[in-house]
Amino acid sequence: MMGAIVLLHRWLGIAFCLLFAMWFASGIVMHFVPFPSLTEAERFAGLAPVERGEAIISVAGAVAASGIMDATRVRLIQRRDGQVYVVLGSSRVRAVHASDGADASVEFPDVALAIARDHARSRGLDATRAGIAARADYDQWSVPNGFDRHRPLFRVALGDAAGTEIYVSSRTGEIVLDTTRSERGWNLVGSVLHWIYPTILRSNWSMWDQVVSTLSLAALIAAVLGAVLGVIRIRIRGGLISSPYRGWHALHHIIGLVSTVFVLTWIFSGWLSMDHGRLFSRGQLTPTEAGVTNAVPDWRAAPSFDQRPISASVREVEWFAFNGSVFRRDRTGLGRQTLTKAGALARNRQMAFLDEQDVLSLTTRLAAGCGAASVLADNDDYSAQSSVPGTPVYRVRCGDLWFDIDGADGSVLQRLDASRRAYRWFYSALHTLDFPVLMAHPRLRDVLIVGLCALGLVFSVTGIVIGWRRLRATFVT
C-alpha cells in the first residue's frame, strides 16, 4: 500500500509540479491585477446626456419593434446617431432607434469607431489616434460567456499612451469591455495562466470546464498523497522534527510540512472554483422563482416621455419590472438616480431606491416564512454590492433561504441557501482569504496572500528539481 502511494505521488508530482508553480506565481499577480472588465463607473462615465424631445416611439413600441417577447428591462441611451432603446430579454438583447423603432445594431466598422471615440472622449481618454475597428468574435479578453449576447464585437485601439482597446457590441452599439496594455500584459502571466484560459480552449466552455476541473482534481490528489507521505516520514530527533531525506528531498519534505495546510486548502478551494453546481448549489434562482422575478410586464403601463420629461442631466433611463409593477429609473450620476413607479405619476411618487416594503412584497411571492427586509452592512460575511455606490442592498430571510436584492434596480444579487453559504467559506474564504477580519486589514491580507503563495511557489520549485532529476535518471541514463 505504501509503495503504491509513493509511486502515485511521485509521478503525479512530476506531472503537476510545473502546474503547481504556475498556479502559485499567477495567483500573486491575480491578487493585484484582476481580469479586464468595464466597470460600471467606466461605462457610466462614457455615456452622453440623453437629449430631450427626440424620442417618438414609446417603451411599449420599442419592445414590440425589438421582437423580444420576454423583455424585462429597457434602457434609453444617447448615441451619435440619436436616442436608442436597448431591450433586454432572458437571452437576447437588441437596440432600436427611438425615432422610428428601426434596427439600431452596428454593422459597419466606421460606426463602431465613431461610438468608441465618443465614449473615450466622455471619459477623458485620448482618442485622436483611434484606429479602424476590427471584428472580434472571440479573443483572449472577450472570451467569457457574458459577451455572447453582444457578439460579434468590434475592437477599437485608441492608440493612446496606455494602449487602451475598447470593445463595441454589434447588437446594441454599447461599450462592453475595455483593456489597457498593462492589464493585458499582467493578465497573460496572471489570469490566463491561472485559469488555463487560452482562447481556443475557453471559447468552448464545456471542454474548458472538463479540462480544468479534471486537472485540478488530479493536482488535489497529488497534494493529498504528498501530505500523507510527509506526515508519515516525520522523524523526531532530540525533541525536534526532522526529515530522513537529504538535499532537495529534505527541503521538499520540510517546506511541504510547513505549507501543508495552506497548499491543501488552496488547491482544494481552487478545485471548488470549478464546481458549477456539482457539489454545492449555484446561488441561482429556481425556474419558478425566476418566473416570478422575471415576469414579463405590461409595457403599456410604462411611464411615457409625455408624462414626465427627461432632465437635461440624465445620462440613462431604464424601465424595469419589479413585483408586478414597472419602474422608471433616471440616472443623473453614478450614485444618483430617481425611481418612479408606474401608476404613481399623478401623485408624483418618486424615490431614490426601492424601499423595504417593495422588496418584502416580492420575496413573499418567492418563498414562505419571510421576515422583514434589512439593509446589508458593508462587513457582512456574505456581502453583496450594488454597482451603484451608496445603494442599499436588502436581505430578506425566508427561513433557511436568503435573498439579497439591489435597491437600485431590483436585481436579485444572491440566492443563499445553506449549501451556497457553505460554498462561500469553502471556496472564497479559503482561496482568496476574504475572511472578515482580514478584509478589515487589507495590507495584512496582501502580505499573507503574497507570502503564502511565495511559500507554495518555493515548495513547487523543489518538486520541479526533484522531478527533473528523477526523469533524467529514468530516461537519460
Protein backbone atom coordinates (compact mmCIF):
# COMPACT_ATOMS: atom_id res chain seq x y z
CA MET A 1 0.00 0.00 0.00
CA MET A 2 2.72 2.45 0.99
CA GLY A 3 4.67 1.65 -2.17
CA ALA A 4 1.62 2.46 -4.30
CA ILE A 5 1.16 5.82 -2.54
CA VAL A 6 4.83 6.67 -3.09
CA LEU A 7 4.71 5.81 -6.79
CA LEU A 8 1.43 7.62 -7.36
CA HIS A 9 2.62 10.76 -5.59
CA ARG A 10 5.96 10.66 -7.38
CA TRP A 11 4.54 10.53 -10.89
CA LEU A 12 1.59 12.79 -10.22
CA GLY A 13 4.06 15.24 -8.67
CA ILE A 14 6.27 15.09 -11.74
CA ALA A 15 3.24 15.64 -13.97
CA PHE A 16 1.85 18.57 -11.96
CA CYS A 17 4.83 20.32 -10.32
CA LEU A 18 5.02 22.91 -13.10
CA LEU A 19 1.27 23.44 -12.87
CA PHE A 20 1.54 23.99 -9.10
CA ALA A 21 4.32 26.54 -9.60
CA MET A 22 2.28 28.31 -12.28
CA TRP A 23 -0.80 28.49 -10.04
CA PHE A 24 1.08 29.97 -7.09
CA ALA A 25 3.01 32.52 -9.17
CA SER A 26 -0.01 33.61 -11.21
CA GLY A 27 -2.12 33.76 -8.05
CA ILE A 28 0.09 36.57 -6.74
CA VAL A 29 -0.41 38.51 -9.99
CA MET A 30 -4.17 37.95 -9.95
CA HIS A 31 -4.48 39.34 -6.45
CA PHE A 32 -3.30 42.73 -7.67
CA VAL A 33 -4.42 42.74 -11.33
CA PRO A 34 -7.91 41.33 -12.00
CA PHE A 35 -9.13 40.13 -15.38
CA PRO A 36 -10.02 43.09 -17.66
CA SER A 37 -13.57 44.35 -17.45
CA LEU A 38 -15.59 47.50 -17.97
CA THR A 39 -16.58 48.77 -14.55
CA GLU A 40 -19.92 50.43 -14.02
CA ALA A 41 -18.10 53.69 -13.26
CA GLU A 42 -16.28 53.49 -16.61
CA ARG A 43 -19.43 52.56 -18.52
CA PHE A 44 -21.46 55.35 -16.99
CA ALA A 45 -18.71 57.93 -17.47
CA GLY A 46 -18.76 57.15 -21.19
CA LEU A 47 -22.49 57.88 -21.59
CA ALA A 48 -23.62 61.12 -23.21
CA PRO A 49 -26.56 63.05 -21.72
CA VAL A 50 -29.88 61.94 -23.18
CA GLU A 51 -31.24 64.69 -25.42
CA ARG A 52 -34.74 65.80 -24.61
CA GLY A 53 -37.65 65.79 -27.01
CA GLU A 54 -36.25 63.36 -29.60
CA ALA A 55 -37.87 60.02 -28.76
CA ILE A 56 -41.10 59.36 -30.62
CA ILE A 57 -41.98 55.73 -30.04
CA SER A 58 -43.00 54.59 -26.57
CA VAL A 59 -41.31 51.98 -24.42
CA ALA A 60 -44.02 49.51 -25.40
CA GLY A 61 -43.37 50.38 -29.04
CA ALA A 62 -39.65 49.76 -28.59
CA VAL A 63 -40.30 46.33 -27.08
CA ALA A 64 -42.62 45.43 -29.95
CA ALA A 65 -40.12 46.66 -32.53
CA SER A 66 -37.32 44.63 -30.95
CA GLY A 67 -39.19 41.37 -31.31
CA ILE A 68 -38.07 40.29 -27.81
CA MET A 69 -41.25 38.95 -26.31
CA ASP A 70 -39.73 38.17 -22.90
CA ALA A 71 -38.25 41.64 -22.38
CA THR A 72 -37.88 42.56 -18.71
CA ARG A 73 -35.70 45.67 -18.98
CA VAL A 74 -35.46 48.57 -21.39
CA ARG A 75 -32.82 51.29 -21.33
CA LEU A 76 -32.63 54.56 -23.25
CA ILE A 77 -29.18 55.88 -24.14
CA GLN A 78 -27.83 58.60 -26.39
CA ARG A 79 -25.67 57.71 -29.38
CA ARG A 80 -24.24 59.92 -32.09
CA ASP A 81 -26.99 58.69 -34.42
CA GLY A 82 -29.74 59.56 -31.94
CA GLN A 83 -31.54 58.07 -28.98
CA VAL A 84 -31.58 54.28 -28.81
CA TYR A 85 -33.68 51.88 -26.80
CA VAL A 86 -31.77 48.80 -25.59
CA VAL A 87 -34.24 45.96 -24.96
CA LEU A 88 -33.09 43.05 -22.79
CA GLY A 89 -34.69 39.62 -22.62
CA SER A 90 -33.66 36.41 -20.90
CA SER A 91 -31.07 35.53 -23.54
CA ARG A 92 -31.23 38.25 -26.16
CA VAL A 93 -30.54 41.94 -26.39
CA ARG A 94 -31.39 44.29 -29.22
CA ALA A 95 -31.28 48.02 -29.88
CA VAL A 96 -33.86 50.04 -31.82
CA HIS A 97 -33.92 53.72 -32.72
CA ALA A 98 -36.20 55.79 -30.52
CA SER A 99 -37.26 57.87 -33.52
CA ASP A 100 -38.87 55.11 -35.57
CA GLY A 101 -38.19 51.70 -34.00
CA ALA A 102 -35.75 50.72 -36.75
CA ASP A 103 -32.91 48.32 -36.01
CA ALA A 104 -30.02 50.13 -34.29
CA SER A 105 -27.44 47.36 -34.37
CA VAL A 106 -23.94 48.22 -35.55
CA GLU A 107 -22.95 46.57 -38.82
CA PHE A 108 -20.04 48.66 -40.05
CA PRO A 109 -16.60 49.29 -38.51
CA ASP A 110 -16.74 53.05 -39.09
CA VAL A 111 -19.88 53.32 -36.95
CA ALA A 112 -18.25 51.30 -34.16
CA LEU A 113 -15.17 53.51 -34.40
CA ALA A 114 -17.25 56.67 -34.00
CA ILE A 115 -19.07 55.19 -30.98
CA ALA A 116 -15.77 54.20 -29.36
CA ARG A 117 -14.33 57.68 -29.92
CA ASP A 118 -17.36 59.34 -28.33
CA HIS A 119 -17.13 57.01 -25.32
CA ALA A 120 -13.41 57.67 -24.94
CA ARG A 121 -13.82 61.44 -25.08
CA SER A 122 -16.59 61.34 -22.47
CA ARG A 123 -14.17 59.51 -20.17
CA GLY A 124 -11.35 61.94 -20.87
CA LEU A 125 -9.30 59.41 -22.87
CA ASP A 126 -7.18 60.40 -25.85
CA ALA A 127 -8.96 59.14 -28.97
CA THR A 128 -7.20 61.26 -31.59
CA ARG A 129 -5.32 58.26 -32.98
CA ALA A 130 -8.09 55.68 -32.67
CA GLY A 131 -7.76 53.04 -35.37
CA ILE A 132 -10.24 51.23 -37.57
CA ALA A 133 -12.49 48.84 -35.68
CA ALA A 134 -11.62 45.18 -36.09
CA ARG A 135 -14.23 42.46 -35.80
CA ALA A 136 -13.52 40.23 -32.77
CA ASP A 137 -15.91 37.31 -32.37
CA TYR A 138 -13.62 35.82 -29.73
CA ASP A 139 -10.26 36.97 -28.45
CA GLN A 140 -8.33 36.50 -25.24
CA TRP A 141 -10.19 39.24 -23.36
CA SER A 142 -13.72 38.89 -24.76
CA VAL A 143 -13.95 35.10 -24.49
CA PRO A 144 -16.22 34.92 -21.34
CA ASN A 145 -19.78 33.77 -21.97
CA GLY A 146 -21.23 37.02 -20.70
CA PHE A 147 -20.39 38.65 -24.02
CA ASP A 148 -22.25 36.06 -26.11
CA ARG A 149 -25.40 38.13 -26.46
CA HIS A 150 -23.31 41.03 -27.84
CA ARG A 151 -21.28 39.12 -30.43
CA PRO A 152 -19.78 39.84 -32.81
CA LEU A 153 -17.81 42.60 -31.13
CA PHE A 154 -15.78 45.40 -32.67
CA ARG A 155 -12.39 46.11 -31.10
CA VAL A 156 -11.06 49.65 -31.38
CA ALA A 157 -7.48 50.55 -30.47
CA LEU A 158 -7.36 54.14 -29.21
CA GLY A 159 -3.64 54.48 -29.85
CA ASP A 160 -3.19 56.34 -26.57
CA ALA A 161 -0.24 56.08 -24.19
CA ALA A 162 -1.98 53.39 -22.13
CA GLY A 163 -2.65 51.21 -25.17
CA THR A 164 -6.40 51.22 -24.48
CA GLU A 165 -8.63 48.96 -26.55
CA ILE A 166 -12.43 49.33 -26.47
CA TYR A 167 -14.98 46.69 -27.47
CA VAL A 168 -18.28 47.72 -29.05
CA SER A 169 -21.36 45.48 -29.09
CA SER A 170 -22.67 44.92 -32.61
CA ARG A 171 -26.12 44.25 -31.12
CA THR A 172 -26.57 47.50 -29.20
CA GLY A 173 -23.65 49.80 -30.02
CA GLU A 174 -22.74 49.93 -26.34
CA ILE A 175 -19.23 49.67 -24.93
CA VAL A 176 -18.99 46.33 -23.14
CA LEU A 177 -15.27 45.96 -22.38
CA ASP A 178 -12.03 47.88 -22.28
CA THR A 179 -8.44 46.81 -21.70
CA THR A 180 -5.09 48.53 -21.39
CA ARG A 181 -1.64 47.35 -22.38
CA SER A 182 -0.68 46.91 -18.74
CA GLU A 183 -3.80 44.85 -17.96
CA ARG A 184 -3.25 42.62 -20.96
CA GLY A 185 0.40 42.05 -20.16
CA TRP A 186 -0.08 41.24 -16.50
CA ASN A 187 -3.06 39.01 -17.21
CA LEU A 188 -1.08 36.90 -19.64
CA VAL A 189 1.04 35.85 -16.66
CA GLY A 190 -1.90 36.09 -14.25
CA SER A 191 -5.48 35.07 -15.02
CA VAL A 192 -4.78 33.45 -18.39
CA LEU A 193 -2.22 31.09 -16.86
CA HIS A 194 -4.08 30.59 -13.59
CA TRP A 195 -7.40 29.70 -15.20
CA ILE A 196 -5.77 27.82 -18.10
CA TYR A 197 -7.60 30.34 -20.27
CA PRO A 198 -6.27 30.22 -23.86
CA THR A 199 -8.90 31.45 -26.26
CA ILE A 200 -9.05 28.25 -28.30
CA LEU A 201 -9.95 26.26 -25.15
CA ARG A 202 -12.09 28.80 -23.27
CA SER A 203 -14.28 29.53 -26.29
CA ASN A 204 -15.69 26.02 -25.75
CA TRP A 205 -16.97 26.37 -22.20
CA SER A 206 -17.85 22.70 -21.69
CA MET A 207 -14.45 21.47 -22.83
CA TRP A 208 -12.64 24.10 -20.75
CA ASP A 209 -14.71 23.15 -17.70
CA GLN A 210 -13.88 19.45 -18.06
CA VAL A 211 -10.17 20.03 -18.68
CA VAL A 212 -9.60 22.41 -15.79
CA SER A 213 -11.77 20.54 -13.27
CA THR A 214 -10.02 17.25 -14.13
CA LEU A 215 -6.54 18.77 -13.85
CA SER A 216 -7.49 20.44 -10.56
CA LEU A 217 -8.79 17.19 -9.10
CA ALA A 218 -5.65 15.27 -10.14
CA ALA A 219 -3.48 18.01 -8.63
CA LEU A 220 -5.50 17.81 -5.40
CA ILE A 221 -4.96 14.06 -5.23
CA ALA A 222 -1.22 14.55 -5.72
CA ALA A 223 -1.16 17.11 -2.88
CA VAL A 224 -3.14 14.90 -0.51
CA LEU A 225 -0.85 11.92 -1.15
CA GLY A 226 2.17 14.13 -0.56
CA ALA A 227 0.74 15.36 2.73
CA VAL A 228 0.14 11.79 3.87
CA LEU A 229 3.69 10.76 3.00
CA GLY A 230 5.11 13.92 4.55
CA VAL A 231 3.48 13.23 7.89
CA ILE A 232 4.37 9.52 7.87
CA ARG A 233 8.03 10.26 7.14
CA ILE A 234 8.48 12.71 10.03
CA ARG A 235 11.33 11.84 12.38
CA ILE A 236 11.74 13.14 15.91
CA ARG A 237 15.35 13.66 16.98
CA GLY A 238 16.25 15.38 20.20
CA GLY A 239 12.70 16.62 20.60
CA LEU A 240 12.81 18.29 17.15
CA ILE A 241 11.07 17.38 13.92
CA SER A 242 13.49 16.29 11.20
CA SER A 243 13.45 14.62 7.80
CA PRO A 244 15.01 11.31 6.83
CA TYR A 245 15.86 12.80 3.44
CA ARG A 246 18.83 14.86 2.30
CA GLY A 247 19.34 17.69 -0.14
CA TRP A 248 16.41 18.74 -2.31
CA HIS A 249 14.26 15.91 -0.99
CA ALA A 250 14.72 17.14 2.58
CA LEU A 251 13.94 20.70 1.52
CA HIS A 252 10.81 19.50 -0.27
CA HIS A 253 9.78 17.49 2.81
CA ILE A 254 10.29 20.30 5.36
CA ILE A 255 8.75 23.09 3.26
CA GLY A 256 5.88 20.75 2.45
CA LEU A 257 5.21 20.15 6.14
CA VAL A 258 5.28 23.88 6.86
CA SER A 259 2.94 24.70 3.97
CA THR A 260 0.72 21.60 4.08
CA VAL A 261 -2.39 23.28 5.47
CA PHE A 262 -2.21 26.18 3.04
CA VAL A 263 -1.36 24.07 0.00
CA LEU A 264 -4.16 21.58 0.64
CA THR A 265 -6.83 24.19 1.39
CA TRP A 266 -5.76 26.38 -1.53
CA ILE A 267 -5.71 23.55 -4.07
CA PHE A 268 -8.97 22.17 -2.70
CA SER A 269 -10.71 25.55 -2.86
CA GLY A 270 -9.26 26.13 -6.33
CA TRP A 271 -10.81 22.87 -7.46
CA LEU A 272 -14.11 24.04 -5.97
CA SER A 273 -13.98 27.12 -8.19
CA MET A 274 -14.91 24.70 -10.97
CA ASP A 275 -17.79 23.19 -9.02
CA HIS A 276 -20.58 24.78 -11.08
CA GLY A 277 -23.31 23.07 -9.09
CA ARG A 278 -21.75 19.62 -8.86
CA LEU A 279 -21.42 19.59 -5.06
CA PHE A 280 -22.85 22.93 -3.96
CA SER A 281 -25.82 24.96 -5.15
CA ARG A 282 -25.04 27.69 -7.67
CA GLY A 283 -26.87 30.53 -5.94
CA GLN A 284 -29.25 30.95 -8.87
CA LEU A 285 -32.99 31.34 -8.81
CA THR A 286 -35.05 28.24 -9.49
CA PRO A 287 -37.19 28.28 -12.65
CA THR A 288 -40.24 29.01 -10.52
CA GLU A 289 -38.52 31.88 -8.71
CA ALA A 290 -37.14 33.24 -11.98
CA GLY A 291 -40.65 33.14 -13.39
CA VAL A 292 -41.75 35.48 -10.59
CA THR A 293 -38.81 37.89 -10.68
CA ASN A 294 -38.54 37.96 -14.49
CA ALA A 295 -42.24 38.04 -15.24
CA VAL A 296 -42.87 39.96 -18.46
CA PRO A 297 -44.69 43.17 -17.51
CA ASP A 298 -47.39 45.08 -19.34
CA TRP A 299 -45.09 47.55 -21.04
CA ARG A 300 -48.04 49.73 -21.93
CA ALA A 301 -48.05 50.72 -18.26
CA ALA A 302 -44.51 52.09 -18.50
CA PRO A 303 -44.29 55.85 -17.86
CA SER A 304 -44.02 57.69 -21.16
CA PHE A 305 -41.99 60.79 -22.01
CA ASP A 306 -45.11 62.91 -22.24
CA GLN A 307 -45.96 62.14 -18.62
CA ARG A 308 -42.56 63.02 -17.26
CA PRO A 309 -39.87 64.75 -19.36
CA ILE A 310 -36.22 63.84 -19.15
CA SER A 311 -33.94 66.11 -17.16
CA ALA A 312 -31.00 67.64 -19.03
CA SER A 313 -28.58 65.90 -16.65
CA VAL A 314 -29.91 62.37 -17.25
CA ARG A 315 -27.43 60.02 -18.92
CA GLU A 316 -29.54 56.87 -18.93
CA VAL A 317 -33.20 56.00 -18.45
CA GLU A 318 -34.21 52.47 -17.59
CA TRP A 319 -37.58 50.79 -17.24
CA PHE A 320 -37.72 47.52 -15.33
CA ALA A 321 -40.33 45.20 -13.90
CA PHE A 322 -40.36 44.54 -10.18
CA ASN A 323 -43.05 42.69 -8.24
CA GLY A 324 -45.66 43.16 -10.94
CA SER A 325 -45.04 46.89 -11.41
CA VAL A 326 -42.96 48.87 -13.87
CA PHE A 327 -40.43 51.37 -12.55
CA ARG A 328 -38.67 54.13 -14.44
CA ARG A 329 -35.11 54.83 -13.37
CA ASP A 330 -33.50 58.16 -14.32
CA ARG A 331 -29.74 58.18 -13.71
CA THR A 332 -28.06 61.55 -13.39
CA GLY A 333 -24.81 60.32 -11.87
CA LEU A 334 -23.02 57.13 -10.95
CA GLY A 335 -24.58 57.23 -7.48
CA ARG A 336 -27.55 59.50 -8.24
CA GLN A 337 -30.88 58.31 -9.58
CA THR A 338 -34.62 58.76 -9.31
CA LEU A 339 -37.14 55.93 -9.40
CA THR A 340 -40.74 56.47 -10.45
CA LYS A 341 -43.34 53.75 -10.12
CA ALA A 342 -45.86 53.32 -12.92
CA GLY A 343 -49.31 54.39 -11.88
CA ALA A 344 -47.93 56.72 -9.23
CA LEU A 345 -47.10 59.61 -11.56
CA ALA A 346 -50.22 61.54 -10.75
CA ARG A 347 -49.18 61.54 -7.11
CA ASN A 348 -45.58 62.27 -8.15
CA ARG A 349 -44.29 59.35 -6.09
CA GLN A 350 -40.54 59.37 -6.61
CA MET A 351 -37.75 57.77 -4.65
CA ALA A 352 -34.03 57.23 -4.90
CA PHE A 353 -34.18 53.49 -4.32
CA LEU A 354 -36.64 50.69 -3.75
CA ASP A 355 -37.80 50.54 -0.15
CA GLU A 356 -38.06 47.62 2.27
CA GLN A 357 -41.75 47.09 1.62
CA ASP A 358 -41.24 46.80 -2.14
CA VAL A 359 -38.57 44.16 -1.57
CA LEU A 360 -40.56 42.23 1.02
CA SER A 361 -43.60 42.15 -1.26
CA LEU A 362 -41.54 40.38 -3.91
CA THR A 363 -39.76 37.89 -1.65
CA THR A 364 -43.01 36.75 -0.02
CA ARG A 365 -44.01 35.60 -3.50
CA LEU A 366 -40.73 33.66 -3.82
CA ALA A 367 -40.74 31.76 -0.53
CA ALA A 368 -42.72 31.26 2.67
CA GLY A 369 -41.85 32.49 6.14
CA CYS A 370 -40.05 35.68 5.08
CA GLY A 371 -39.04 38.17 7.73
CA ALA A 372 -38.58 41.90 7.33
CA ALA A 373 -36.08 43.24 4.81
CA SER A 374 -32.87 44.59 6.30
CA VAL A 375 -30.04 46.61 4.77
CA LEU A 376 -26.78 44.70 4.46
CA ALA A 377 -23.80 46.05 6.35
CA ASP A 378 -20.57 46.59 4.43
CA ASN A 379 -18.80 43.97 6.55
CA ASP A 380 -21.46 41.28 6.21
CA ASP A 381 -19.99 37.78 5.95
CA TYR A 382 -21.99 37.13 2.78
CA SER A 383 -21.88 40.65 1.41
CA ALA A 384 -23.24 41.63 -1.99
CA GLN A 385 -22.69 45.03 -3.55
CA SER A 386 -24.73 47.12 -5.91
CA SER A 387 -22.98 48.57 -8.93
CA VAL A 388 -24.36 51.96 -7.86
CA PRO A 389 -22.33 53.45 -4.97
CA GLY A 390 -24.32 54.18 -1.84
CA THR A 391 -27.24 51.97 -2.84
CA PRO A 392 -28.78 49.81 -0.12
CA VAL A 393 -28.73 46.07 -0.68
CA TYR A 394 -31.65 44.39 1.08
CA ARG A 395 -31.59 40.93 2.58
CA VAL A 396 -34.76 39.01 3.30
CA ARG A 397 -34.51 35.76 5.24
CA CYS A 398 -37.20 33.25 4.34
CA GLY A 399 -36.36 30.52 6.83
CA ASP A 400 -33.08 28.98 5.70
CA LEU A 401 -33.26 30.70 2.32
CA TRP A 402 -31.92 34.24 1.92
CA PHE A 403 -32.40 36.71 -0.92
CA ASP A 404 -30.17 39.76 -1.47
CA ILE A 405 -31.79 42.40 -3.69
CA ASP A 406 -30.28 45.54 -5.21
CA GLY A 407 -32.21 48.61 -4.14
CA ALA A 408 -31.12 50.46 -7.29
CA ASP A 409 -32.73 48.27 -9.94
CA GLY A 410 -34.42 45.34 -8.21
CA SER A 411 -31.88 42.73 -9.33
CA VAL A 412 -31.59 39.59 -7.20
CA LEU A 413 -27.88 39.65 -6.42
CA GLN A 414 -27.72 36.44 -4.41
CA ARG A 415 -29.86 33.48 -3.52
CA LEU A 416 -28.24 31.96 -0.46
CA ASP A 417 -29.29 28.60 0.85
CA ALA A 418 -27.26 26.57 3.35
CA SER A 419 -25.25 24.97 0.55
CA ARG A 420 -24.34 28.29 -1.05
CA ARG A 421 -23.36 29.81 2.29
CA ALA A 422 -21.07 26.82 2.91
CA TYR A 423 -19.55 27.29 -0.54
CA ARG A 424 -18.69 30.87 0.33
CA TRP A 425 -16.37 29.62 3.09
CA PHE A 426 -15.03 26.50 1.39
CA TYR A 427 -14.19 28.33 -1.82
CA SER A 428 -13.97 32.10 -1.48
CA ALA A 429 -12.62 32.33 2.06
CA LEU A 430 -10.05 29.56 1.63
CA HIS A 431 -8.92 30.64 -1.84
CA THR A 432 -8.87 34.44 -1.54
CA LEU A 433 -8.58 34.80 2.25
CA ASP A 434 -11.54 37.16 2.32
CA PHE A 435 -12.24 36.40 5.96
CA PRO A 436 -13.91 39.43 7.58
CA VAL A 437 -11.01 40.02 9.98
CA LEU A 438 -8.55 40.12 7.05
CA MET A 439 -10.83 42.24 4.86
CA ALA A 440 -10.77 44.81 7.65
CA HIS A 441 -6.95 44.87 7.38
CA PRO A 442 -6.24 44.79 3.61
CA ARG A 443 -2.46 45.26 3.92
CA LEU A 444 -2.18 42.31 6.27
CA ARG A 445 -4.24 40.28 3.82
CA ASP A 446 -1.93 41.32 0.96
CA VAL A 447 1.13 40.22 2.93
CA LEU A 448 -0.44 36.87 3.82
CA ILE A 449 -1.53 36.12 0.26
CA VAL A 450 1.82 37.04 -1.25
CA GLY A 451 3.77 35.27 1.49
CA LEU A 452 1.77 32.05 1.36
CA CYS A 453 1.76 31.91 -2.44
CA ALA A 454 5.51 32.55 -2.44
CA LEU A 455 5.96 29.70 0.03
CA GLY A 456 3.87 27.48 -2.23
CA LEU A 457 5.97 28.55 -5.21
CA VAL A 458 9.24 27.65 -3.45
CA PHE A 459 7.73 24.32 -2.46
CA SER A 460 6.74 23.71 -6.10
CA VAL A 461 10.25 24.59 -7.31
CA THR A 462 11.73 21.90 -5.06
CA GLY A 463 9.30 19.45 -6.63
CA ILE A 464 10.35 20.57 -10.12
CA VAL A 465 14.03 19.95 -9.30
CA ILE A 466 13.30 16.52 -7.80
CA GLY A 467 11.06 15.60 -10.73
CA TRP A 468 13.64 16.68 -13.31
CA ARG A 469 16.31 14.62 -11.61
CA ARG A 470 14.01 11.60 -11.50
CA LEU A 471 13.20 11.93 -15.18
CA ARG A 472 16.86 12.24 -16.13
CA ALA A 473 17.76 9.22 -14.03
CA THR A 474 14.93 7.19 -15.54
CA PHE A 475 15.10 8.09 -19.22
CA VAL A 476 18.52 9.61 -19.90
CA THR A 477 20.99 7.30 -18.16
